[in-house]
Amino acid sequence: MSREDFIKMEGTVLDSLPAEKYSVKLDGGAVIRARISGKMRMNKIRILPGDHVTVEISPYDVTNGCIVYRYK
């Protein structure tokens, strides 16, 4: 799957879950589970509840996503 196939959406982190997963409320109102991307993990970027983030969602499974950017 290429990078263009993902759906990019913005949302707010609600809660931190085990195994570096987060509960994210999208701007549309849906709540999904999201993990952090490899670049964010490599650079040790911390994500806290209340942070505004960008999430990539696969069109095959819209309940899981990947956090790719945290806004300041």
PDB file of N, CA and C in Angstrom:
ATOM      1  N   MET A   1       0.844  -1.161   0.000  1.00  0.00           N
ATOM      2  CA  MET A   1       0.000   0.000   0.000  1.00  0.00           C
ATOM      3  C   MET A   1       0.899   1.236   0.000  1.00  0.00           C
ATOM      4  N   SER A   2       0.658   2.149  -0.914  1.00  0.00           N
ATOM      5  CA  SER A   2       1.486   3.344  -0.998  1.00  0.00           C
ATOM      6  C   SER A   2       1.005   4.403  -0.007  1.00  0.00           C
ATOM      7  N   ARG A   3       1.790   5.433   0.180  1.00  0.00           N
ATOM      8  CA  ARG A   3       1.476   6.485   1.148  1.00  0.00           C
ATOM      9  C   ARG A   3       0.236   7.270   0.740  1.00  0.00           C
ATOM     10  N   GLU A   4      -0.113   7.285  -0.529  1.00  0.00           N
ATOM     11  CA  GLU A   4      -1.275   8.040  -0.979  1.00  0.00           C
ATOM     12  C   GLU A   4      -2.595   7.339  -0.640  1.00  0.00           C
ATOM     13  N   ASP A   5      -2.535   6.046  -0.309  1.00  0.00           N
ATOM     14  CA  ASP A   5      -3.753   5.293  -0.043  1.00  0.00           C
ATOM     15  C   ASP A   5      -4.330   5.566   1.347  1.00  0.00           C
ATOM     16  N   PHE A   6      -3.545   6.159   2.245  1.00  0.00           N
ATOM     17  CA  PHE A   6      -4.025   6.411   3.595  1.00  0.00           C
ATOM     18  C   PHE A   6      -4.896   7.661   3.647  1.00  0.00           C
ATOM     19  N   ILE A   7      -5.816   7.682   4.592  1.00  0.00           N
ATOM     20  CA  ILE A   7      -6.683   8.828   4.823  1.00  0.00           C
ATOM     21  C   ILE A   7      -6.074   9.626   5.974  1.00  0.00           C
ATOM     22  N   LYS A   8      -5.758  10.894   5.754  1.00  0.00           N
ATOM     23  CA  LYS A   8      -5.201  11.742   6.808  1.00  0.00           C
ATOM     24  C   LYS A   8      -6.322  12.537   7.457  1.00  0.00           C
ATOM     25  N   MET A   9      -6.385  12.479   8.790  1.00  0.00           N
ATOM     26  CA  MET A   9      -7.383  13.230   9.545  1.00  0.00           C
ATOM     27  C   MET A   9      -6.718  13.822  10.776  1.00  0.00           C
ATOM     28  N   GLU A  10      -7.336  14.838  11.330  1.00  0.00           N
ATOM     29  CA  GLU A  10      -6.828  15.462  12.538  1.00  0.00           C
ATOM     30  C   GLU A  10      -7.740  15.113  13.698  1.00  0.00           C
ATOM     31  N   GLY A  11      -7.152  15.092  14.893  1.00  0.00           N
ATOM     32  CA  GLY A  11      -7.927  14.755  16.069  1.00  0.00           C
ATOM     33  C   GLY A  11      -7.205  15.141  17.344  1.00  0.00           C
ATOM     34  N   THR A  12      -7.805  14.762  18.468  1.00  0.00           N
ATOM     35  CA  THR A  12      -7.260  15.062  19.787  1.00  0.00           C
ATOM     36  C   THR A  12      -7.093  13.766  20.561  1.00  0.00           C
ATOM     37  N   VAL A  13      -5.970  13.625  21.239  1.00  0.00           N
ATOM     38  CA  VAL A  13      -5.694  12.426  22.027  1.00  0.00           C
ATOM     39  C   VAL A  13      -6.542  12.473  23.291  1.00  0.00           C
ATOM     40  N   LEU A  14      -7.317  11.415  23.529  1.00  0.00           N
ATOM     41  CA  LEU A  14      -8.159  11.336  24.713  1.00  0.00           C
ATOM     42  C   LEU A  14      -7.474  10.628  25.864  1.00  0.00           C
ATOM     43  N   ASP A  15      -6.831   9.491  25.568  1.00  0.00           N
ATOM     44  CA  ASP A  15      -6.289   8.656  26.632  1.00  0.00           C
ATOM     45  C   ASP A  15      -5.103   7.858  26.118  1.00  0.00           C
ATOM     46  N   SER A  16      -4.204   7.522  27.025  1.00  0.00           N
ATOM     47  CA  SER A  16      -3.066   6.677  26.709  1.00  0.00           C
ATOM     48  C   SER A  16      -3.408   5.234  27.079  1.00  0.00           C
ATOM     49  N   LEU A  17      -3.167   4.303  26.162  1.00  0.00           N
ATOM     50  CA  LEU A  17      -3.461   2.894  26.365  1.00  0.00           C
ATOM     51  C   LEU A  17      -2.154   2.117  26.462  1.00  0.00           C
ATOM     52  N   PRO A  18      -2.182   0.877  26.933  1.00  0.00           N
ATOM     53  CA  PRO A  18      -0.943   0.079  27.004  1.00  0.00           C
ATOM     54  C   PRO A  18      -0.334  -0.157  25.617  1.00  0.00           C
ATOM     55  N   ALA A  19       0.955  -0.476  25.602  1.00  0.00           N
ATOM     56  CA  ALA A  19       1.706  -0.820  24.387  1.00  0.00           C
ATOM     57  C   ALA A  19       1.778   0.352  23.407  1.00  0.00           C
ATOM     58  N   GLU A  20       1.941   1.567  23.926  1.00  0.00           N
ATOM     59  CA  GLU A  20       2.098   2.778  23.126  1.00  0.00           C
ATOM     60  C   GLU A  20       0.964   2.983  22.130  1.00  0.00           C
ATOM     61  N   LYS A  21      -0.243   2.726  22.554  1.00  0.00           N
ATOM     62  CA  LYS A  21      -1.426   3.027  21.752  1.00  0.00           C
ATOM     63  C   LYS A  21      -2.182   4.148  22.441  1.00  0.00           C
ATOM     64  N   TYR A  22      -2.947   4.877  21.662  1.00  0.00           N
ATOM     65  CA  TYR A  22      -3.675   6.028  22.172  1.00  0.00           C
ATOM     66  C   TYR A  22      -5.104   6.001  21.641  1.00  0.00           C
ATOM     67  N   SER A  23      -6.000   6.521  22.443  1.00  0.00           N
ATOM     68  CA  SER A  23      -7.378   6.710  22.016  1.00  0.00           C
ATOM     69  C   SER A  23      -7.487   8.127  21.470  1.00  0.00           C
ATOM     70  N   VAL A  24      -7.897   8.255  20.203  1.00  0.00           N
ATOM     71  CA  VAL A  24      -7.922   9.552  19.527  1.00  0.00           C
ATOM     72  C   VAL A  24      -9.345   9.848  19.064  1.00  0.00           C
ATOM     73  N   LYS A  25      -9.811  11.055  19.400  1.00  0.00           N
ATOM     74  CA  LYS A  25     -11.124  11.501  18.916  1.00  0.00           C
ATOM     75  C   LYS A  25     -10.896  12.364  17.687  1.00  0.00           C
ATOM     76  N   LEU A  26     -11.401  11.916  16.549  1.00  0.00           N
ATOM     77  CA  LEU A  26     -11.231  12.638  15.294  1.00  0.00           C
ATOM     78  C   LEU A  26     -12.143  13.856  15.263  1.00  0.00           C
ATOM     79  N   ASP A  27     -11.832  14.791  14.377  1.00  0.00           N
ATOM     80  CA  ASP A  27     -12.648  16.005  14.263  1.00  0.00           C
ATOM     81  C   ASP A  27     -14.072  15.691  13.827  1.00  0.00           C
ATOM     82  N   GLY A  28     -14.277  14.570  13.158  1.00  0.00           N
ATOM     83  CA  GLY A  28     -15.617  14.161  12.736  1.00  0.00           C
ATOM     84  C   GLY A  28     -16.442  13.563  13.853  1.00  0.00           C
ATOM     85  N   GLY A  29     -15.833  13.262  15.001  1.00  0.00           N
ATOM     86  CA  GLY A  29     -16.554  12.726  16.142  1.00  0.00           C
ATOM     87  C   GLY A  29     -16.278  11.270  16.451  1.00  0.00           C
ATOM     88  N   ALA A  30     -15.656  10.544  15.533  1.00  0.00           N
ATOM     89  CA  ALA A  30     -15.352   9.131  15.760  1.00  0.00           C
ATOM     90  C   ALA A  30     -14.151   8.984  16.693  1.00  0.00           C
ATOM     91  N   VAL A  31     -14.136   7.898  17.476  1.00  0.00           N
ATOM     92  CA  VAL A  31     -13.021   7.600  18.368  1.00  0.00           C
ATOM     93  C   VAL A  31     -12.326   6.349  17.852  1.00  0.00           C
ATOM     94  N   ILE A  32     -11.007   6.442  17.637  1.00  0.00           N
ATOM     95  CA  ILE A  32     -10.238   5.315  17.118  1.00  0.00           C
ATOM     96  C   ILE A  32      -9.041   5.049  18.021  1.00  0.00           C
ATOM     97  N   ARG A  33      -8.396   3.900  17.814  1.00  0.00           N
ATOM     98  CA  ARG A  33      -7.126   3.589  18.471  1.00  0.00           C
ATOM     99  C   ARG A  33      -6.019   3.905  17.480  1.00  0.00           C
ATOM    100  N   ALA A  34      -4.932   4.486  17.998  1.00  0.00           N
ATOM    101  CA  ALA A  34      -3.824   4.838  17.121  1.00  0.00           C
ATOM    102  C   ALA A  34      -2.498   4.534  17.803  1.00  0.00           C
ATOM    103  N   ARG A  35      -1.539   4.111  17.000  1.00  0.00           N
ATOM    104  CA  ARG A  35      -0.177   3.898  17.502  1.00  0.00           C
ATOM    105  C   ARG A  35       0.672   5.038  16.966  1.00  0.00           C
ATOM    106  N   ILE A  36       1.893   5.187  17.492  1.00  0.00           N
ATOM    107  CA  ILE A  36       2.747   6.257  16.986  1.00  0.00           C
ATOM    108  C   ILE A  36       3.639   5.705  15.873  1.00  0.00           C
ATOM    109  N   SER A  37       3.981   6.567  14.936  1.00  0.00           N
ATOM    110  CA  SER A  37       4.777   6.126  13.797  1.00  0.00           C
ATOM    111  C   SER A  37       6.223   5.886  14.222  1.00  0.00           C
ATOM    112  N   GLY A  38       6.960   5.206  13.376  1.00  0.00           N
ATOM    113  CA  GLY A  38       8.339   4.861  13.668  1.00  0.00           C
ATOM    114  C   GLY A  38       9.251   6.064  13.803  1.00  0.00           C
ATOM    115  N   LYS A  39       9.057   7.100  12.980  1.00  0.00           N
ATOM    116  CA  LYS A  39       9.876   8.310  13.064  1.00  0.00           C
ATOM    117  C   LYS A  39       9.642   9.026  14.390  1.00  0.00           C
ATOM    118  N   MET A  40       8.404   9.058  14.861  1.00  0.00           N
ATOM    119  CA  MET A  40       8.108   9.715  16.139  1.00  0.00           C
ATOM    120  C   MET A  40       8.701   8.910  17.286  1.00  0.00           C
ATOM    121  N   ARG A  41       8.644   7.602  17.187  1.00  0.00           N
ATOM    122  CA  ARG A  41       9.227   6.742  18.221  1.00  0.00           C
ATOM    123  C   ARG A  41      10.751   6.869  18.226  1.00  0.00           C
ATOM    124  N   MET A  42      11.360   6.933  17.040  1.00  0.00           N
ATOM    125  CA  MET A  42      12.800   7.049  16.930  1.00  0.00           C
ATOM    126  C   MET A  42      13.301   8.377  17.519  1.00  0.00           C
ATOM    127  N   ASN A  43      12.557   9.455  17.303  1.00  0.00           N
ATOM    128  CA  ASN A  43      12.947  10.773  17.810  1.00  0.00           C
ATOM    129  C   ASN A  43      12.419  11.055  19.211  1.00  0.00           C
ATOM    130  N   LYS A  44      11.784  10.051  19.833  1.00  0.00           N
ATOM    131  CA  LYS A  44      11.300  10.127  21.223  1.00  0.00           C
ATOM    132  C   LYS A  44      10.339  11.297  21.444  1.00  0.00           C
ATOM    133  N   ILE A  45       9.390  11.456  20.539  1.00  0.00           N
ATOM    134  CA  ILE A  45       8.387  12.506  20.678  1.00  0.00           C
ATOM    135  C   ILE A  45       7.298  12.003  21.609  1.00  0.00           C
ATOM    136  N   ARG A  46       7.038  12.759  22.667  1.00  0.00           N
ATOM    137  CA  ARG A  46       6.072  12.358  23.684  1.00  0.00           C
ATOM    138  C   ARG A  46       4.679  12.850  23.292  1.00  0.00           C
ATOM    139  N   ILE A  47       3.689  12.012  23.545  1.00  0.00           N
ATOM    140  CA  ILE A  47       2.296  12.371  23.265  1.00  0.00           C
ATOM    141  C   ILE A  47       1.524  12.276  24.570  1.00  0.00           C
ATOM    142  N   LEU A  48       0.805  13.327  24.899  1.00  0.00           N
ATOM    143  CA  LEU A  48       0.034  13.394  26.125  1.00  0.00           C
ATOM    144  C   LEU A  48      -1.440  13.579  25.794  1.00  0.00           C
ATOM    145  N   PRO A  49      -2.338  13.169  26.696  1.00  0.00           N
ATOM    146  CA  PRO A  49      -3.772  13.429  26.471  1.00  0.00           C
ATOM    147  C   PRO A  49      -4.018  14.932  26.316  1.00  0.00           C
ATOM    148  N   GLY A  50      -4.802  15.276  25.316  1.00  0.00           N
ATOM    149  CA  GLY A  50      -5.094  16.668  25.016  1.00  0.00           C
ATOM    150  C   GLY A  50      -4.307  17.212  23.841  1.00  0.00           C
ATOM    151  N   ASP A  51      -3.291  16.486  23.366  1.00  0.00           N
ATOM    152  CA  ASP A  51      -2.498  16.939  22.226  1.00  0.00           C
ATOM    153  C   ASP A  51      -3.307  16.847  20.937  1.00  0.00           C
ATOM    154  N   HIS A  52      -3.085  17.799  20.048  1.00  0.00           N
ATOM    155  CA  HIS A  52      -3.713  17.817  18.728  1.00  0.00           C
ATOM    156  C   HIS A  52      -2.772  17.095  17.770  1.00  0.00           C
ATOM    157  N   VAL A  53      -3.250  16.060  17.067  1.00  0.00           N
ATOM    158  CA  VAL A  53      -2.394  15.209  16.238  1.00  0.00           C
ATOM    159  C   VAL A  53      -3.002  14.995  14.856  1.00  0.00           C
ATOM    160  N   THR A  54      -2.150  14.554  13.920  1.00  0.00           N
ATOM    161  CA  THR A  54      -2.588  14.102  12.602  1.00  0.00           C
ATOM    162  C   THR A  54      -2.473  12.585  12.573  1.00  0.00           C
ATOM    163  N   VAL A  55      -3.524  11.922  12.097  1.00  0.00           N
ATOM    164  CA  VAL A  55      -3.595  10.466  12.095  1.00  0.00           C
ATOM    165  C   VAL A  55      -3.791   9.976  10.670  1.00  0.00           C
ATOM    166  N   GLU A  56      -3.051   8.935  10.289  1.00  0.00           N
ATOM    167  CA  GLU A  56      -3.278   8.261   9.007  1.00  0.00           C
ATOM    168  C   GLU A  56      -4.102   7.014   9.266  1.00  0.00           C
ATOM    169  N   ILE A  57      -5.187   6.859   8.510  1.00  0.00           N
ATOM    170  CA  ILE A  57      -6.092   5.730   8.684  1.00  0.00           C
ATOM    171  C   ILE A  57      -6.126   4.925   7.397  1.00  0.00           C
ATOM    172  N   SER A  58      -6.048   3.602   7.523  1.00  0.00           N
ATOM    173  CA  SER A  58      -6.128   2.726   6.372  1.00  0.00           C
ATOM    174  C   SER A  58      -7.590   2.619   5.920  1.00  0.00           C
ATOM    175  N   PRO A  59      -7.851   2.607   4.628  1.00  0.00           N
ATOM    176  CA  PRO A  59      -9.241   2.464   4.176  1.00  0.00           C
ATOM    177  C   PRO A  59      -9.812   1.074   4.449  1.00  0.00           C
ATOM    178  N   TYR A  60      -8.952   0.097   4.769  1.00  0.00           N
ATOM    179  CA  TYR A  60      -9.427  -1.253   5.033  1.00  0.00           C
ATOM    180  C   TYR A  60      -9.923  -1.429   6.458  1.00  0.00           C
ATOM    181  N   ASP A  61      -9.312  -0.712   7.412  1.00  0.00           N
ATOM    182  CA  ASP A  61      -9.710  -0.813   8.811  1.00  0.00           C
ATOM    183  C   ASP A  61      -9.745   0.594   9.386  1.00  0.00           C
ATOM    184  N   VAL A  62     -10.915   1.185   9.474  1.00  0.00           N
ATOM    185  CA  VAL A  62     -11.035   2.575   9.906  1.00  0.00           C
ATOM    186  C   VAL A  62     -11.085   2.725  11.424  1.00  0.00           C
ATOM    187  N   THR A  63     -10.910   1.639  12.179  1.00  0.00           N
ATOM    188  CA  THR A  63     -10.921   1.734  13.634  1.00  0.00           C
ATOM    189  C   THR A  63      -9.512   1.867  14.206  1.00  0.00           C
ATOM    190  N   ASN A  64      -8.484   1.659  13.386  1.00  0.00           N
ATOM    191  CA  ASN A  64      -7.092   1.776  13.830  1.00  0.00           C
ATOM    192  C   ASN A  64      -6.369   2.775  12.943  1.00  0.00           C
ATOM    193  N   GLY A  65      -5.381   3.446  13.540  1.00  0.00           N
ATOM    194  CA  GLY A  65      -4.634   4.428  12.776  1.00  0.00           C
ATOM    195  C   GLY A  65      -3.212   4.544  13.265  1.00  0.00           C
ATOM    196  N   CYS A  66      -2.487   5.498  12.688  1.00  0.00           N
ATOM    197  CA  CYS A  66      -1.089   5.733  13.028  1.00  0.00           C
ATOM    198  C   CYS A  66      -0.896   7.245  13.178  1.00  0.00           C
ATOM    199  N   ILE A  67      -0.398   7.673  14.345  1.00  0.00           N
ATOM    200  CA  ILE A  67      -0.155   9.091  14.591  1.00  0.00           C
ATOM    201  C   ILE A  67       1.144   9.463  13.891  1.00  0.00           C
ATOM    202  N   VAL A  68       1.074  10.446  12.980  1.00  0.00           N
ATOM    203  CA  VAL A  68       2.256  10.827  12.214  1.00  0.00           C
ATOM    204  C   VAL A  68       2.766  12.222  12.555  1.00  0.00           C
ATOM    205  N   TYR A  69       1.975  13.061  13.245  1.00  0.00           N
ATOM    206  CA  TYR A  69       2.416  14.407  13.565  1.00  0.00           C
ATOM    207  C   TYR A  69       1.703  14.908  14.816  1.00  0.00           C
ATOM    208  N   ARG A  70       2.462  15.575  15.696  1.00  0.00           N
ATOM    209  CA  ARG A  70       1.884  16.203  16.887  1.00  0.00           C
ATOM    210  C   ARG A  70       2.083  17.708  16.760  1.00  0.00           C
ATOM    211  N   TYR A  71       0.979  18.456  16.841  1.00  0.00           N
ATOM    212  CA  TYR A  71       1.052  19.905  16.749  1.00  0.00           C
ATOM    213  C   TYR A  71       1.533  20.501  18.059  1.00  0.00           C
ATOM    214  N   LYS A  72       2.205  21.645  18.000  1.00  0.00           N
ATOM    215  CA  LYS A  72       2.726  22.293  19.207  1.00  0.00           C
ATOM    216  C   LYS A  72       1.677  23.135  19.882  1.00  0.00           C
TER     217      LYS A  72
END
